Amino acid sequence: MTRFLSFRWQSPRLVAVMVLTLLIMGCQTNPSAIAEPNDNPDSTVSSPSVDLTLPDDSAMPPSVLNSVLQDIEKRTGIDANQLTWVGATAETWSDGCLGLGGPAESCLMALVEGWQVHVSYDQEEWFYRTDATGQAVRWIDTDLHSPLPPSLSDRLLQQVEKETGLERDRLQVTDATSAVWNGCLGIEPENGACTEIAIFGWRVEVDADGTPQVYHTNHDGSDIRRYS
């Protein structure tokens, strides 16, 4: 985010006061510490780091979220401080391009530990892949790649495999949509009692050897429930 500074002299008296103040400061300050004046009224100041707040139990370094928020700010112009961190999952990416390399890219063929991060603002959402510290950051184009975290997909398919007895190669995630559930993940219990809290998660459709099935999950797949 770029901030612009401009100055306007309002009166000769104000000029005199300011000059006198500067002379006094000059007598008390090391001249080398005084910045040279900039004649350009549109000079820019570097954007400060975003004031981050992560849950106490989050293992994700603040530098990761900071890199993601700053990238969204550059792309959209939305002030990074207005963005909301929704959730993150620890992932292992297949290469140095975090699994998102284009056909013309040369990607380091090595496993990369990192994160998938979900950020929102109003009705908009962004999904990112990063390395462990936020040095490498890639936006996920959801028109080309599923936003479902790979670790969650693996957990889900393991559960479907157990429930159906089908082998993994006969199971396929066909659709995934982010959602906000109540305490029952949007599935009405028999007793009708649900905690009215907001839980970020996913609605996932799975093709089980030609039979469509729908699952609701929380954000990292530690709670997975079959809907239909």
Protein backbone atom coordinates (compact mmCIF):
# COMPACT_ATOMS: atom_id res chain seq x y z
CA MET A 1 0.00 0.00 0.00
CA THR A 2 1.41 3.36 -1.00
CA ARG A 3 0.76 6.46 1.02
CA PHE A 4 1.33 9.95 -0.40
CA LEU A 5 2.68 12.90 1.59
CA SER A 6 2.08 16.50 0.55
CA PHE A 7 2.96 19.76 2.28
CA ARG A 8 1.43 23.23 1.90
CA TRP A 9 2.81 26.41 3.49
CA GLN A 10 -0.11 28.29 5.03
CA SER A 11 1.43 31.63 6.10
CA PRO A 12 4.81 33.49 6.32
CA ARG A 13 4.53 33.42 10.12
CA LEU A 14 4.19 29.64 10.09
CA VAL A 15 7.25 29.42 7.85
CA ALA A 16 9.29 31.47 10.30
CA VAL A 17 8.22 29.32 13.23
CA MET A 18 9.10 26.13 11.41
CA VAL A 19 12.49 27.46 10.29
CA LEU A 20 13.31 28.47 13.86
CA THR A 21 12.26 25.02 15.10
CA LEU A 22 14.47 23.32 12.54
CA LEU A 23 17.45 25.49 13.54
CA ILE A 24 17.01 24.53 17.19
CA MET A 25 16.74 20.85 16.27
CA GLY A 26 19.84 21.16 14.13
CA CYS A 27 21.83 22.33 17.12
CA GLN A 28 20.75 19.30 19.12
CA THR A 29 20.85 16.58 16.49
CA ASN A 30 23.60 14.86 14.58
CA PRO A 31 23.42 16.39 11.09
CA SER A 32 23.94 12.98 9.51
CA ALA A 33 20.67 11.84 11.09
CA ILE A 34 18.62 14.57 9.39
CA ALA A 35 16.99 13.39 6.15
CA GLU A 36 17.54 15.42 3.02
CA PRO A 37 14.42 17.29 1.90
CA ASN A 38 12.49 15.84 -1.02
CA ASP A 39 11.16 18.36 -3.52
CA ASN A 40 8.72 15.84 -4.95
CA PRO A 41 5.34 16.28 -3.20
CA ASP A 42 4.30 12.82 -4.36
CA SER A 43 7.16 11.00 -2.66
CA THR A 44 6.14 7.62 -1.30
CA VAL A 45 6.63 5.88 2.00
CA SER A 46 7.04 2.11 2.30
CA SER A 47 3.97 0.28 3.56
CA PRO A 48 4.35 -1.01 7.13
CA SER A 49 3.76 -4.63 7.99
CA VAL A 50 0.15 -5.53 8.61
CA ASP A 51 -0.84 -5.84 12.25
CA LEU A 52 -1.55 -9.56 12.36
CA THR A 53 -3.59 -11.49 14.86
CA LEU A 54 -3.43 -15.28 14.73
CA PRO A 55 -5.05 -17.73 17.13
CA ASP A 56 -2.81 -18.83 19.97
CA ASP A 57 -2.87 -22.41 18.69
CA SER A 58 -1.86 -21.50 15.14
CA ALA A 59 1.45 -23.00 14.05
CA MET A 60 1.59 -20.83 10.93
CA PRO A 61 4.23 -18.08 11.12
CA PRO A 62 2.80 -14.54 10.94
CA SER A 63 5.19 -13.90 8.03
CA VAL A 64 3.13 -16.28 5.89
CA LEU A 65 -0.12 -14.43 6.41
CA ASN A 66 1.61 -11.08 6.04
CA SER A 67 2.96 -12.09 2.59
CA VAL A 68 -0.48 -13.27 1.49
CA LEU A 69 -2.27 -10.13 2.66
CA GLN A 70 0.27 -7.86 1.01
CA ASP A 71 -0.11 -9.75 -2.29
CA ILE A 72 -3.90 -9.40 -2.18
CA GLU A 73 -3.52 -5.70 -1.45
CA LYS A 74 -1.29 -5.27 -4.51
CA ARG A 75 -3.71 -7.22 -6.71
CA THR A 76 -6.93 -5.60 -5.58
CA GLY A 77 -6.11 -2.31 -3.87
CA ILE A 78 -8.00 -3.43 -0.76
CA ASP A 79 -6.22 -2.28 2.41
CA ALA A 80 -4.54 -5.35 3.89
CA ASN A 81 -5.81 -4.39 7.34
CA GLN A 82 -9.39 -4.89 6.12
CA LEU A 83 -8.78 -8.48 5.03
CA THR A 84 -9.77 -11.40 7.24
CA TRP A 85 -7.82 -14.59 7.73
CA VAL A 86 -10.30 -17.48 7.51
CA GLY A 87 -8.04 -20.48 8.00
CA ALA A 88 -4.93 -22.34 6.95
CA THR A 89 -3.73 -25.92 6.60
CA ALA A 90 -0.19 -27.28 6.63
CA GLU A 91 0.63 -28.87 3.28
CA THR A 92 3.48 -30.56 1.42
CA TRP A 93 3.75 -29.30 -2.15
CA SER A 94 5.08 -31.41 -4.99
CA ASP A 95 7.65 -28.92 -6.32
CA GLY A 96 9.20 -25.49 -6.02
CA CYS A 97 6.24 -23.94 -7.86
CA LEU A 98 3.96 -25.19 -5.08
CA GLY A 99 2.12 -27.39 -7.55
CA LEU A 100 0.92 -24.37 -9.55
CA GLY A 101 3.63 -24.07 -12.20
CA GLY A 102 2.65 -23.17 -15.75
CA PRO A 103 3.67 -25.13 -18.86
CA ALA A 104 6.58 -22.75 -19.55
CA GLU A 105 7.93 -22.79 -15.98
CA SER A 106 10.88 -24.79 -14.73
CA CYS A 107 10.04 -25.93 -11.21
CA LEU A 108 12.46 -27.36 -8.69
CA MET A 109 11.53 -31.03 -8.31
CA ALA A 110 11.56 -31.30 -4.54
CA LEU A 111 8.93 -31.56 -1.84
CA VAL A 112 8.22 -28.18 -0.26
CA GLU A 113 6.65 -27.83 3.17
CA GLY A 114 4.20 -24.96 3.36
CA TRP A 115 0.67 -23.73 3.85
CA GLN A 116 -2.62 -23.20 2.10
CA VAL A 117 -4.20 -19.96 3.29
CA HIS A 118 -7.78 -18.72 2.93
CA VAL A 119 -8.53 -14.99 3.19
CA SER A 120 -11.80 -13.12 2.73
CA TYR A 121 -13.20 -9.61 2.44
CA ASP A 122 -16.92 -8.95 2.27
CA GLN A 123 -18.17 -11.54 -0.28
CA GLU A 124 -14.78 -12.15 -1.89
CA GLU A 125 -12.38 -15.01 -1.17
CA TRP A 126 -8.76 -15.73 -2.00
CA PHE A 127 -6.82 -18.98 -1.65
CA TYR A 128 -3.03 -19.07 -1.60
CA ARG A 129 -0.24 -21.61 -1.46
CA THR A 130 3.01 -20.67 0.28
CA ASP A 131 6.23 -22.20 1.45
CA ALA A 132 6.94 -22.60 5.17
CA THR A 133 7.91 -18.97 5.80
CA GLY A 134 6.00 -16.98 3.17
CA GLN A 135 8.99 -16.34 0.91
CA ALA A 136 7.19 -18.14 -1.93
CA VAL A 137 3.54 -17.14 -2.38
CA ARG A 138 1.15 -18.21 -5.13
CA TRP A 139 -2.47 -17.27 -5.66
CA ILE A 140 -4.74 -20.19 -6.59
CA ASP A 141 -6.79 -19.45 -9.69
CA THR A 142 -9.93 -21.38 -8.78
CA ASP A 143 -10.93 -21.52 -12.45
CA LEU A 144 -7.91 -23.75 -13.04
CA HIS A 145 -7.30 -25.46 -9.68
CA SER A 146 -9.50 -26.73 -6.89
CA PRO A 147 -9.25 -24.60 -3.74
CA LEU A 148 -9.76 -27.69 -1.56
CA PRO A 149 -6.59 -28.22 0.53
CA PRO A 150 -4.83 -31.45 -0.57
CA SER A 151 -4.51 -32.66 3.03
CA LEU A 152 -8.27 -32.32 3.51
CA SER A 153 -8.95 -34.12 0.24
CA ASP A 154 -6.75 -37.01 1.38
CA ARG A 155 -8.54 -37.27 4.74
CA LEU A 156 -11.92 -37.18 3.06
CA LEU A 157 -11.10 -39.87 0.51
CA GLN A 158 -9.64 -42.08 3.25
CA GLN A 159 -12.97 -41.85 5.09
CA VAL A 160 -15.00 -42.53 1.93
CA GLU A 161 -12.72 -45.48 1.19
CA LYS A 162 -13.50 -46.96 4.62
CA GLU A 163 -17.23 -46.29 4.35
CA THR A 164 -17.67 -47.72 0.88
CA GLY A 165 -14.94 -50.36 0.69
CA LEU A 166 -13.92 -48.91 -2.66
CA GLU A 167 -10.28 -48.49 -3.63
CA ARG A 168 -8.88 -44.98 -3.90
CA ASP A 169 -8.61 -45.00 -7.68
CA ARG A 170 -12.41 -45.42 -7.87
CA LEU A 171 -13.03 -42.28 -5.84
CA GLN A 172 -12.83 -38.73 -7.13
CA VAL A 173 -13.58 -35.30 -5.71
CA THR A 174 -15.75 -33.62 -8.32
CA ASP A 175 -16.61 -30.33 -6.60
CA ALA A 176 -15.64 -28.36 -3.51
CA THR A 177 -17.25 -25.18 -2.22
CA SER A 178 -16.30 -23.19 0.86
CA ALA A 179 -19.09 -22.78 3.40
CA VAL A 180 -19.85 -21.49 6.87
CA TRP A 181 -21.60 -24.09 9.03
CA ASN A 182 -23.26 -24.16 12.42
CA GLY A 183 -21.99 -26.51 15.13
CA CYS A 184 -23.48 -29.51 13.30
CA LEU A 185 -21.76 -28.64 9.99
CA GLY A 186 -25.15 -27.92 8.45
CA ILE A 187 -26.46 -31.43 9.08
CA GLU A 188 -29.55 -31.52 11.28
CA PRO A 189 -29.10 -34.00 14.16
CA GLU A 190 -31.85 -36.36 15.33
CA ASN A 191 -32.49 -34.34 18.48
CA GLY A 192 -32.55 -31.07 16.54
CA ALA A 193 -30.01 -29.38 18.82
CA CYS A 194 -27.11 -27.51 17.20
CA THR A 195 -24.66 -24.99 18.58
CA GLU A 196 -25.18 -21.71 16.77
CA ILE A 197 -21.59 -20.86 16.00
CA ALA A 198 -19.88 -20.09 12.71
CA ILE A 199 -17.50 -22.79 11.53
CA PHE A 200 -15.67 -22.33 8.27
CA GLY A 201 -15.57 -25.50 6.20
CA TRP A 202 -16.31 -27.18 2.91
CA ARG A 203 -19.13 -28.83 1.00
CA VAL A 204 -17.49 -31.54 -1.07
CA GLU A 205 -18.96 -33.79 -3.74
CA VAL A 206 -17.32 -37.17 -4.30
CA ASP A 207 -17.90 -39.62 -7.13
CA ALA A 208 -17.74 -43.09 -5.57
CA ASP A 209 -17.54 -45.39 -8.57
CA GLY A 210 -20.39 -43.56 -10.28
CA THR A 211 -22.40 -42.82 -7.15
CA PRO A 212 -22.40 -39.14 -6.09
CA GLN A 213 -21.96 -38.45 -2.39
CA VAL A 214 -21.87 -35.15 -0.50
CA TYR A 215 -19.80 -34.42 2.60
CA HIS A 216 -19.57 -31.46 4.95
CA THR A 217 -16.27 -30.76 6.70
CA ASN A 218 -14.64 -28.20 8.94
CA HIS A 219 -11.71 -26.16 7.60
CA ASP A 220 -8.97 -28.78 7.95
CA GLY A 221 -10.92 -32.03 7.61
CA SER A 222 -10.59 -33.04 11.24
CA ASP A 223 -14.41 -33.26 11.28
CA ILE A 224 -16.01 -34.90 8.23
CA ARG A 225 -19.70 -35.79 8.01
CA ARG A 226 -21.65 -37.38 5.20
CA TYR A 227 -24.61 -35.29 4.07
CA SER A 228 -26.06 -37.56 1.40
